[in-house]
Amino acid sequence: MVMHDPRVPETLEGWSLLHQMFRIRWEAWRSLPDAERRQRASATVDGLAGMPRGEDGATALTTLLGHKGDLMLIHFRRDFDALQAAQLAVARLPVAPFLEATSSYVSIVELGMYEMTAQIHGRLKEKGLAAGAPEFEKAFDAEMDEQRKRVIGRLFQEVPARRHVCFYPMNKRRGEHKNWYAVPVEERGRMMRDHGVIGRHYAGAVTQIISGSIGYDDWEWGVDLFADDPIVFKKLIYEMRFDEASTWYAEFGAFYVGLQFRADQLPRLLEGEVPQLKG
């Protein structure tokens, strides 16, 4: 039985995520005969079409701007077995010999429950249940199951059909003078509430998917942003830099920015044209 520590905010988990970043080996690709390039590109589209979709997940394709790569694949799957299958499927694509991996990221969609964790502990305490007792833990798990049902659509949402994509990993600082995990849970909860207010100001302009990666990758969280206008990324992230939770405790990794496109547009990218998301 899992013991629920009131200092540790509970989380609810959804899609398992794998980001794969690639550089296209343009010289080798362009050295192929035209007919072979067309055949490989078409067969790759067929391979991508055979990947899971709907309730089993999806794979989003994104170009990358800058030197960090040319192509990013974001796999949304039910579990790590399915992520492994996705990685192996990509390795078998006809275009795979011309893709050079530049980075990757493993995480799981996560909803932090700072306020709800405290509320559940408070309600169960009022009922006379002692933390750590079997009755307490059973009641706590039942409450979390109800919360999961309430937000299931956010845990397993569809890939946002928005053109511009921004992905970055981040940590909460654990330095000598500022350590997020040493701050009392009530204070962390207050800062996260204030942090969330800023995000809600941009709710109609950007779709945000937060994923947890503690124990899975080099950073603690991954953030995916989808928007119709890339200016929103700059404004949102800039404004959040002034938020207390970010000002004192946030550390950011590399940013990956590009354009989401349909799988059947991949041949256009491979021929040096900008692929499209909508017809």
C-alpha atoms as a PDB file:
ATOM      1  CA  MET A   1       0.000   0.000   0.000  1.00  0.00           C
ATOM      2  CA  VAL A   2       1.331   3.459  -0.950  1.00  0.00           C
ATOM      3  CA  MET A   3       1.703   5.873   1.988  1.00  0.00           C
ATOM      4  CA  HIS A   4       0.511   9.395   1.209  1.00  0.00           C
ATOM      5  CA  ASP A   5       2.828  12.049   2.676  1.00  0.00           C
ATOM      6  CA  PRO A   6       1.069  15.428   3.088  1.00  0.00           C
ATOM      7  CA  ARG A   7       4.323  17.208   2.150  1.00  0.00           C
ATOM      8  CA  VAL A   8       4.287  15.570  -1.284  1.00  0.00           C
ATOM      9  CA  PRO A   9       1.633  16.862  -3.718  1.00  0.00           C
ATOM     10  CA  GLU A  10      -0.164  14.023  -5.460  1.00  0.00           C
ATOM     11  CA  THR A  11      -0.124  13.729  -9.239  1.00  0.00           C
ATOM     12  CA  LEU A  12      -2.459  12.178 -11.792  1.00  0.00           C
ATOM     13  CA  GLU A  13      -0.884  10.546 -14.834  1.00  0.00           C
ATOM     14  CA  GLY A  14      -2.019  10.183 -18.439  1.00  0.00           C
ATOM     15  CA  TRP A  15      -0.276   9.610 -21.772  1.00  0.00           C
ATOM     16  CA  SER A  16       3.275   8.291 -21.810  1.00  0.00           C
ATOM     17  CA  LEU A  17       5.345  10.592 -24.033  1.00  0.00           C
ATOM     18  CA  LEU A  18       8.461  10.134 -26.139  1.00  0.00           C
ATOM     19  CA  HIS A  19       9.968  13.085 -27.985  1.00  0.00           C
ATOM     20  CA  GLN A  20      12.437  12.133 -30.726  1.00  0.00           C
ATOM     21  CA  MET A  21      14.542  14.838 -32.380  1.00  0.00           C
ATOM     22  CA  PHE A  22      16.369  14.102 -35.643  1.00  0.00           C
ATOM     23  CA  ARG A  23      18.669  15.763 -38.100  1.00  0.00           C
ATOM     24  CA  ILE A  24      18.034  14.736 -41.715  1.00  0.00           C
ATOM     25  CA  ARG A  25      21.207  13.589 -43.480  1.00  0.00           C
ATOM     26  CA  TRP A  26      20.475  15.815 -46.442  1.00  0.00           C
ATOM     27  CA  GLU A  27      23.558  15.033 -48.513  1.00  0.00           C
ATOM     28  CA  ALA A  28      22.997  11.272 -48.357  1.00  0.00           C
ATOM     29  CA  TRP A  29      19.260  11.658 -48.958  1.00  0.00           C
ATOM     30  CA  ARG A  30      19.671  13.901 -51.999  1.00  0.00           C
ATOM     31  CA  SER A  31      22.269  11.585 -53.486  1.00  0.00           C
ATOM     32  CA  LEU A  32      19.569   8.921 -53.956  1.00  0.00           C
ATOM     33  CA  PRO A  33      17.915   8.568 -57.366  1.00  0.00           C
ATOM     34  CA  ASP A  34      14.654  10.521 -57.625  1.00  0.00           C
ATOM     35  CA  ALA A  35      12.565   7.362 -57.905  1.00  0.00           C
ATOM     36  CA  GLU A  36      14.079   5.835 -54.770  1.00  0.00           C
ATOM     37  CA  ARG A  37      13.536   9.029 -52.796  1.00  0.00           C
ATOM     38  CA  ARG A  38       9.889   9.089 -53.816  1.00  0.00           C
ATOM     39  CA  GLN A  39       9.449   5.414 -52.984  1.00  0.00           C
ATOM     40  CA  ARG A  40      11.063   5.730 -49.552  1.00  0.00           C
ATOM     41  CA  ALA A  41       9.083   8.863 -48.721  1.00  0.00           C
ATOM     42  CA  SER A  42       5.786   7.274 -49.761  1.00  0.00           C
ATOM     43  CA  ALA A  43       6.518   4.068 -47.826  1.00  0.00           C
ATOM     44  CA  THR A  44       7.423   6.146 -44.762  1.00  0.00           C
ATOM     45  CA  VAL A  45       4.049   7.890 -44.938  1.00  0.00           C
ATOM     46  CA  ASP A  46       2.402   4.451 -45.041  1.00  0.00           C
ATOM     47  CA  GLY A  47       4.428   3.382 -42.018  1.00  0.00           C
ATOM     48  CA  LEU A  48       3.397   6.456 -40.042  1.00  0.00           C
ATOM     49  CA  ALA A  49      -0.238   5.873 -41.016  1.00  0.00           C
ATOM     50  CA  GLY A  50      -0.024   2.427 -39.430  1.00  0.00           C
ATOM     51  CA  MET A  51       0.919   3.809 -36.032  1.00  0.00           C
ATOM     52  CA  PRO A  52      -1.657   3.847 -33.194  1.00  0.00           C
ATOM     53  CA  ARG A  53      -4.263   6.557 -33.089  1.00  0.00           C
ATOM     54  CA  GLY A  54      -7.404   7.447 -31.174  1.00  0.00           C
ATOM     55  CA  GLU A  55      -7.656   5.771 -27.782  1.00  0.00           C
ATOM     56  CA  ASP A  56      -4.278   4.104 -28.290  1.00  0.00           C
ATOM     57  CA  GLY A  57      -2.443   7.382 -28.835  1.00  0.00           C
ATOM     58  CA  ALA A  58      -0.995   9.438 -31.664  1.00  0.00           C
ATOM     59  CA  THR A  59       2.259  10.649 -33.176  1.00  0.00           C
ATOM     60  CA  ALA A  60       2.692  14.359 -33.883  1.00  0.00           C
ATOM     61  CA  LEU A  61       5.174  15.447 -36.554  1.00  0.00           C
ATOM     62  CA  THR A  62       6.943  18.778 -36.210  1.00  0.00           C
ATOM     63  CA  THR A  63       9.668  20.509 -38.165  1.00  0.00           C
ATOM     64  CA  LEU A  64      12.451  22.109 -36.116  1.00  0.00           C
ATOM     65  CA  LEU A  65      13.859  25.589 -36.606  1.00  0.00           C
ATOM     66  CA  GLY A  66      17.558  26.146 -36.004  1.00  0.00           C
ATOM     67  CA  HIS A  67      20.566  23.895 -35.581  1.00  0.00           C
ATOM     68  CA  LYS A  68      19.106  21.410 -33.063  1.00  0.00           C
ATOM     69  CA  GLY A  69      17.540  19.265 -35.750  1.00  0.00           C
ATOM     70  CA  ASP A  70      15.106  19.122 -38.655  1.00  0.00           C
ATOM     71  CA  LEU A  71      12.325  16.852 -37.407  1.00  0.00           C
ATOM     72  CA  MET A  72      10.676  16.115 -34.055  1.00  0.00           C
ATOM     73  CA  LEU A  73       8.277  13.231 -33.461  1.00  0.00           C
ATOM     74  CA  ILE A  74       6.087  13.340 -30.344  1.00  0.00           C
ATOM     75  CA  HIS A  75       4.600   9.949 -29.505  1.00  0.00           C
ATOM     76  CA  PHE A  76       1.571   9.813 -27.189  1.00  0.00           C
ATOM     77  CA  ARG A  77       0.977   6.262 -25.961  1.00  0.00           C
ATOM     78  CA  ARG A  78      -0.759   4.354 -23.155  1.00  0.00           C
ATOM     79  CA  ASP A  79       2.403   2.938 -21.581  1.00  0.00           C
ATOM     80  CA  PHE A  80       6.149   2.491 -21.991  1.00  0.00           C
ATOM     81  CA  ASP A  81       5.733  -0.766 -23.924  1.00  0.00           C
ATOM     82  CA  ALA A  82       3.831   1.195 -26.560  1.00  0.00           C
ATOM     83  CA  LEU A  83       6.511   3.913 -26.542  1.00  0.00           C
ATOM     84  CA  GLN A  84       9.155   1.265 -27.136  1.00  0.00           C
ATOM     85  CA  ALA A  85       7.093  -0.089 -30.036  1.00  0.00           C
ATOM     86  CA  ALA A  86       6.892   3.432 -31.477  1.00  0.00           C
ATOM     87  CA  GLN A  87      10.645   3.894 -31.226  1.00  0.00           C
ATOM     88  CA  LEU A  88      11.258   0.562 -32.943  1.00  0.00           C
ATOM     89  CA  ALA A  89       8.697   1.384 -35.639  1.00  0.00           C
ATOM     90  CA  VAL A  90      10.479   4.657 -36.409  1.00  0.00           C
ATOM     91  CA  ALA A  91      13.786   2.785 -36.647  1.00  0.00           C
ATOM     92  CA  ARG A  92      12.220   0.535 -39.320  1.00  0.00           C
ATOM     93  CA  LEU A  93      10.851   3.350 -41.471  1.00  0.00           C
ATOM     94  CA  PRO A  94      12.384   3.507 -44.979  1.00  0.00           C
ATOM     95  CA  VAL A  95      13.655   7.009 -44.220  1.00  0.00           C
ATOM     96  CA  ALA A  96      15.327   5.920 -40.949  1.00  0.00           C
ATOM     97  CA  PRO A  97      18.836   5.417 -42.452  1.00  0.00           C
ATOM     98  CA  PHE A  98      18.793   9.118 -43.296  1.00  0.00           C
ATOM     99  CA  LEU A  99      17.784  10.319 -39.824  1.00  0.00           C
ATOM    100  CA  GLU A 100      20.391  11.143 -37.198  1.00  0.00           C
ATOM    101  CA  ALA A 101      19.082  11.331 -33.632  1.00  0.00           C
ATOM    102  CA  THR A 102      20.067  14.584 -31.917  1.00  0.00           C
ATOM    103  CA  SER A 103      18.055  14.289 -28.696  1.00  0.00           C
ATOM    104  CA  SER A 104      15.060  12.622 -27.062  1.00  0.00           C
ATOM    105  CA  TYR A 105      12.870  12.974 -24.001  1.00  0.00           C
ATOM    106  CA  VAL A 106      10.772  10.512 -21.971  1.00  0.00           C
ATOM    107  CA  SER A 107       7.946  11.635 -19.674  1.00  0.00           C
ATOM    108  CA  ILE A 108       4.335  11.058 -18.630  1.00  0.00           C
ATOM    109  CA  VAL A 109       1.523  13.612 -18.853  1.00  0.00           C
ATOM    110  CA  GLU A 110       0.971  14.887 -15.337  1.00  0.00           C
ATOM    111  CA  LEU A 111      -1.494  17.026 -13.430  1.00  0.00           C
ATOM    112  CA  GLY A 112      -0.150  18.343 -10.120  1.00  0.00           C
ATOM    113  CA  MET A 113      -2.661  18.286  -7.268  1.00  0.00           C
ATOM    114  CA  TYR A 114      -1.225  20.751  -4.743  1.00  0.00           C
ATOM    115  CA  GLU A 115      -4.547  22.134  -3.493  1.00  0.00           C
ATOM    116  CA  MET A 116      -6.441  18.871  -3.825  1.00  0.00           C
ATOM    117  CA  THR A 117      -3.800  16.955  -1.831  1.00  0.00           C
ATOM    118  CA  ALA A 118      -4.203  19.339   1.104  1.00  0.00           C
ATOM    119  CA  GLN A 119      -8.001  19.282   0.844  1.00  0.00           C
ATOM    120  CA  ILE A 120      -8.182  15.490   0.861  1.00  0.00           C
ATOM    121  CA  HIS A 121      -5.854  15.256   3.859  1.00  0.00           C
ATOM    122  CA  GLY A 122      -8.006  17.833   5.650  1.00  0.00           C
ATOM    123  CA  ARG A 123     -11.301  16.062   4.899  1.00  0.00           C
ATOM    124  CA  LEU A 124     -10.024  12.689   6.029  1.00  0.00           C
ATOM    125  CA  LYS A 125      -8.558  14.176   9.193  1.00  0.00           C
ATOM    126  CA  GLU A 126     -11.939  15.729  10.006  1.00  0.00           C
ATOM    127  CA  LYS A 127     -13.461  12.266   9.674  1.00  0.00           C
ATOM    128  CA  GLY A 128     -11.094  11.032  12.356  1.00  0.00           C
ATOM    129  CA  LEU A 129      -8.838   9.037  10.024  1.00  0.00           C
ATOM    130  CA  ALA A 130      -5.154   9.048  10.947  1.00  0.00           C
ATOM    131  CA  ALA A 131      -2.575   9.473   8.176  1.00  0.00           C
ATOM    132  CA  GLY A 132      -0.789   6.196   7.537  1.00  0.00           C
ATOM    133  CA  ALA A 133      -3.616   4.005   8.792  1.00  0.00           C
ATOM    134  CA  PRO A 134      -4.993   1.478   6.276  1.00  0.00           C
ATOM    135  CA  GLU A 135      -8.429   3.121   6.407  1.00  0.00           C
ATOM    136  CA  PHE A 136      -6.896   6.508   5.641  1.00  0.00           C
ATOM    137  CA  GLU A 137      -4.861   5.233   2.691  1.00  0.00           C
ATOM    138  CA  LYS A 138      -7.852   3.395   1.225  1.00  0.00           C
ATOM    139  CA  ALA A 139     -10.053   6.481   1.512  1.00  0.00           C
ATOM    140  CA  PHE A 140      -7.314   8.662   0.038  1.00  0.00           C
ATOM    141  CA  ASP A 141      -6.936   6.381  -2.989  1.00  0.00           C
ATOM    142  CA  ALA A 142     -10.705   6.454  -3.525  1.00  0.00           C
ATOM    143  CA  GLU A 143     -10.679  10.270  -3.500  1.00  0.00           C
ATOM    144  CA  MET A 144      -7.853  10.338  -6.047  1.00  0.00           C
ATOM    145  CA  ASP A 145      -9.739   7.905  -8.283  1.00  0.00           C
ATOM    146  CA  GLU A 146     -12.662  10.330  -8.304  1.00  0.00           C
ATOM    147  CA  GLN A 147     -10.363  13.203  -9.217  1.00  0.00           C
ATOM    148  CA  ARG A 148      -8.867  11.155 -12.029  1.00  0.00           C
ATOM    149  CA  LYS A 149     -12.320  10.500 -13.496  1.00  0.00           C
ATOM    150  CA  ARG A 150     -13.037  14.227 -13.349  1.00  0.00           C
ATOM    151  CA  VAL A 151      -9.950  15.243 -15.353  1.00  0.00           C
ATOM    152  CA  ILE A 152      -9.484  12.177 -17.588  1.00  0.00           C
ATOM    153  CA  GLY A 153      -9.914  14.317 -20.702  1.00  0.00           C
ATOM    154  CA  ARG A 154      -6.923  16.437 -19.740  1.00  0.00           C
ATOM    155  CA  LEU A 155      -4.766  13.400 -19.016  1.00  0.00           C
ATOM    156  CA  PHE A 156      -5.489  11.790 -22.387  1.00  0.00           C
ATOM    157  CA  GLN A 157      -6.273  14.763 -24.600  1.00  0.00           C
ATOM    158  CA  GLU A 158      -5.889  14.660 -28.375  1.00  0.00           C
ATOM    159  CA  VAL A 159      -2.871  16.254 -30.002  1.00  0.00           C
ATOM    160  CA  PRO A 160      -3.814  19.937 -30.442  1.00  0.00           C
ATOM    161  CA  ALA A 161      -4.289  20.721 -34.149  1.00  0.00           C
ATOM    162  CA  ARG A 162      -2.227  23.899 -33.932  1.00  0.00           C
ATOM    163  CA  ARG A 163       0.551  24.884 -36.284  1.00  0.00           C
ATOM    164  CA  HIS A 164       3.303  26.079 -33.944  1.00  0.00           C
ATOM    165  CA  VAL A 165       4.939  23.856 -31.327  1.00  0.00           C
ATOM    166  CA  CYS A 166       7.389  24.641 -28.523  1.00  0.00           C
ATOM    167  CA  PHE A 167       8.940  21.991 -26.279  1.00  0.00           C
ATOM    168  CA  TYR A 168      11.328  22.481 -23.379  1.00  0.00           C
ATOM    169  CA  PRO A 169      12.347  20.627 -20.211  1.00  0.00           C
ATOM    170  CA  MET A 170      12.628  22.294 -16.810  1.00  0.00           C
ATOM    171  CA  ASN A 171      13.540  21.758 -13.159  1.00  0.00           C
ATOM    172  CA  LYS A 172      12.623  23.261  -9.837  1.00  0.00           C
ATOM    173  CA  ARG A 173      15.875  24.549  -8.342  1.00  0.00           C
ATOM    174  CA  ARG A 174      17.593  22.459  -5.669  1.00  0.00           C
ATOM    175  CA  GLY A 175      20.568  24.751  -5.030  1.00  0.00           C
ATOM    176  CA  GLU A 176      22.399  25.732  -1.867  1.00  0.00           C
ATOM    177  CA  HIS A 177      20.393  28.908  -1.285  1.00  0.00           C
ATOM    178  CA  LYS A 178      17.111  28.126  -3.054  1.00  0.00           C
ATOM    179  CA  ASN A 179      15.645  24.639  -2.824  1.00  0.00           C
ATOM    180  CA  TRP A 180      12.053  24.157  -3.980  1.00  0.00           C
ATOM    181  CA  TYR A 181      11.709  20.870  -2.132  1.00  0.00           C
ATOM    182  CA  ALA A 182      12.695  22.436   1.188  1.00  0.00           C
ATOM    183  CA  VAL A 183       9.869  25.007   1.004  1.00  0.00           C
ATOM    184  CA  PRO A 184       6.773  24.129   3.089  1.00  0.00           C
ATOM    185  CA  VAL A 185       4.035  22.499   1.022  1.00  0.00           C
ATOM    186  CA  GLU A 186       1.578  25.318   1.761  1.00  0.00           C
ATOM    187  CA  GLU A 187       3.997  27.890   0.346  1.00  0.00           C
ATOM    188  CA  ARG A 188       4.694  25.755  -2.725  1.00  0.00           C
ATOM    189  CA  GLY A 189       0.957  25.399  -3.240  1.00  0.00           C
ATOM    190  CA  ARG A 190       0.451  29.175  -3.069  1.00  0.00           C
ATOM    191  CA  MET A 191       3.213  29.811  -5.621  1.00  0.00           C
ATOM    192  CA  MET A 192       1.812  27.201  -7.975  1.00  0.00           C
ATOM    193  CA  ARG A 193      -1.663  28.754  -7.735  1.00  0.00           C
ATOM    194  CA  ASP A 194      -0.195  32.143  -8.673  1.00  0.00           C
ATOM    195  CA  HIS A 195       1.773  30.476 -11.459  1.00  0.00           C
ATOM    196  CA  GLY A 196      -1.385  28.879 -12.832  1.00  0.00           C
ATOM    197  CA  VAL A 197      -3.202  32.215 -12.991  1.00  0.00           C
ATOM    198  CA  ILE A 198      -0.749  33.436 -15.629  1.00  0.00           C
ATOM    199  CA  GLY A 199      -1.263  30.328 -17.737  1.00  0.00           C
ATOM    200  CA  ARG A 200      -5.030  30.722 -17.608  1.00  0.00           C
ATOM    201  CA  HIS A 201      -4.696  34.211 -19.118  1.00  0.00           C
ATOM    202  CA  TYR A 202      -3.467  32.486 -22.289  1.00  0.00           C
ATOM    203  CA  ALA A 203      -5.967  29.611 -22.247  1.00  0.00           C
ATOM    204  CA  GLY A 204      -7.572  30.444 -25.591  1.00  0.00           C
ATOM    205  CA  ALA A 205      -4.299  31.187 -27.363  1.00  0.00           C
ATOM    206  CA  VAL A 206      -2.138  28.251 -26.330  1.00  0.00           C
ATOM    207  CA  THR A 207      -2.648  24.581 -25.404  1.00  0.00           C
ATOM    208  CA  GLN A 208      -0.218  23.402 -22.751  1.00  0.00           C
ATOM    209  CA  ILE A 209       0.706  19.797 -21.966  1.00  0.00           C
ATOM    210  CA  ILE A 210       2.825  19.257 -18.853  1.00  0.00           C
ATOM    211  CA  SER A 211       4.585  15.939 -18.408  1.00  0.00           C
ATOM    212  CA  GLY A 212       6.562  14.632 -15.452  1.00  0.00           C
ATOM    213  CA  SER A 213       9.998  13.121 -16.022  1.00  0.00           C
ATOM    214  CA  ILE A 214      11.480  12.663 -12.535  1.00  0.00           C
ATOM    215  CA  GLY A 215      13.161   9.280 -12.712  1.00  0.00           C
ATOM    216  CA  TYR A 216      12.716   9.081 -16.483  1.00  0.00           C
ATOM    217  CA  ASP A 217      15.011  11.725 -17.955  1.00  0.00           C
ATOM    218  CA  ASP A 218      17.608  14.379 -17.092  1.00  0.00           C
ATOM    219  CA  TRP A 219      15.090  17.068 -16.168  1.00  0.00           C
ATOM    220  CA  GLU A 220      12.033  16.992 -13.920  1.00  0.00           C
ATOM    221  CA  TRP A 221       9.272  18.133 -16.279  1.00  0.00           C
ATOM    222  CA  GLY A 222       8.661  18.559 -19.985  1.00  0.00           C
ATOM    223  CA  VAL A 223       6.429  21.303 -21.364  1.00  0.00           C
ATOM    224  CA  ASP A 224       4.736  21.171 -24.765  1.00  0.00           C
ATOM    225  CA  LEU A 225       3.018  24.316 -26.038  1.00  0.00           C
ATOM    226  CA  PHE A 226       0.798  24.384 -29.145  1.00  0.00           C
ATOM    227  CA  ALA A 227      -0.418  27.676 -30.640  1.00  0.00           C
ATOM    228  CA  ASP A 228      -1.628  29.258 -33.868  1.00  0.00           C
ATOM    229  CA  ASP A 229       0.672  32.255 -33.346  1.00  0.00           C
ATOM    230  CA  PRO A 230       4.278  31.678 -32.139  1.00  0.00           C
ATOM    231  CA  ILE A 231       4.384  35.122 -30.513  1.00  0.00           C
ATOM    232  CA  VAL A 232       2.264  33.583 -27.742  1.00  0.00           C
ATOM    233  CA  PHE A 233       5.199  31.382 -26.694  1.00  0.00           C
ATOM    234  CA  LYS A 234       7.446  34.384 -26.146  1.00  0.00           C
ATOM    235  CA  LYS A 235       4.830  36.404 -24.270  1.00  0.00           C
ATOM    236  CA  LEU A 236       3.688  33.549 -22.044  1.00  0.00           C
ATOM    237  CA  ILE A 237       7.144  32.361 -21.062  1.00  0.00           C
ATOM    238  CA  TYR A 238       8.407  35.914 -20.584  1.00  0.00           C
ATOM    239  CA  GLU A 239       5.519  36.795 -18.284  1.00  0.00           C
ATOM    240  CA  MET A 240       6.042  33.622 -16.287  1.00  0.00           C
ATOM    241  CA  ARG A 241       9.684  34.583 -15.680  1.00  0.00           C
ATOM    242  CA  PHE A 242       8.359  37.294 -13.346  1.00  0.00           C
ATOM    243  CA  ASP A 243       6.253  34.804 -11.394  1.00  0.00           C
ATOM    244  CA  GLU A 244       7.694  33.898  -7.982  1.00  0.00           C
ATOM    245  CA  ALA A 245       7.785  30.157  -8.669  1.00  0.00           C
ATOM    246  CA  SER A 246       9.842  30.796 -11.819  1.00  0.00           C
ATOM    247  CA  THR A 247      11.907  33.774 -10.655  1.00  0.00           C
ATOM    248  CA  TRP A 248      13.420  31.926  -7.715  1.00  0.00           C
ATOM    249  CA  TYR A 249      13.036  28.264  -8.495  1.00  0.00           C
ATOM    250  CA  ALA A 250      12.770  27.521 -12.253  1.00  0.00           C
ATOM    251  CA  GLU A 251      15.610  26.212 -14.410  1.00  0.00           C
ATOM    252  CA  PHE A 252      15.131  25.629 -18.131  1.00  0.00           C
ATOM    253  CA  GLY A 253      16.732  23.290 -20.623  1.00  0.00           C
ATOM    254  CA  ALA A 254      16.983  23.589 -24.408  1.00  0.00           C
ATOM    255  CA  PHE A 255      13.984  24.925 -26.332  1.00  0.00           C
ATOM    256  CA  TYR A 256      12.735  23.194 -29.495  1.00  0.00           C
ATOM    257  CA  VAL A 257      10.429  25.189 -31.766  1.00  0.00           C
ATOM    258  CA  GLY A 258       8.876  24.249 -35.082  1.00  0.00           C
ATOM    259  CA  LEU A 259       5.818  23.688 -37.227  1.00  0.00           C
ATOM    260  CA  GLN A 260       3.401  20.788 -36.810  1.00  0.00           C
ATOM    261  CA  PHE A 261       2.416  19.072 -40.061  1.00  0.00           C
ATOM    262  CA  ARG A 262       0.398  16.133 -41.395  1.00  0.00           C
ATOM    263  CA  ALA A 263       2.153  12.818 -41.966  1.00  0.00           C
ATOM    264  CA  ASP A 264       1.213  12.839 -45.663  1.00  0.00           C
ATOM    265  CA  GLN A 265       3.207  16.073 -45.990  1.00  0.00           C
ATOM    266  CA  LEU A 266       6.498  14.414 -45.035  1.00  0.00           C
ATOM    267  CA  PRO A 267       7.553  13.961 -48.700  1.00  0.00           C
ATOM    268  CA  ARG A 268       7.361  17.749 -49.097  1.00  0.00           C
ATOM    269  CA  LEU A 269       9.753  18.256 -46.185  1.00  0.00           C
ATOM    270  CA  LEU A 270      12.117  15.650 -47.620  1.00  0.00           C
ATOM    271  CA  GLU A 271      12.126  17.534 -50.934  1.00  0.00           C
ATOM    272  CA  GLY A 272      12.979  20.819 -49.243  1.00  0.00           C
ATOM    273  CA  GLU A 273       9.507  22.334 -49.056  1.00  0.00           C
ATOM    274  CA  VAL A 274       7.559  23.548 -46.036  1.00  0.00           C
ATOM    275  CA  PRO A 275       5.028  20.859 -45.030  1.00  0.00           C
ATOM    276  CA  GLN A 276       1.497  21.909 -44.083  1.00  0.00           C
ATOM    277  CA  LEU A 277      -0.822  21.024 -41.211  1.00  0.00           C
ATOM    278  CA  LYS A 278      -4.126  21.864 -42.894  1.00  0.00           C
ATOM    279  CA  GLY A 279      -5.315  21.214 -46.416  1.00  0.00           C
END
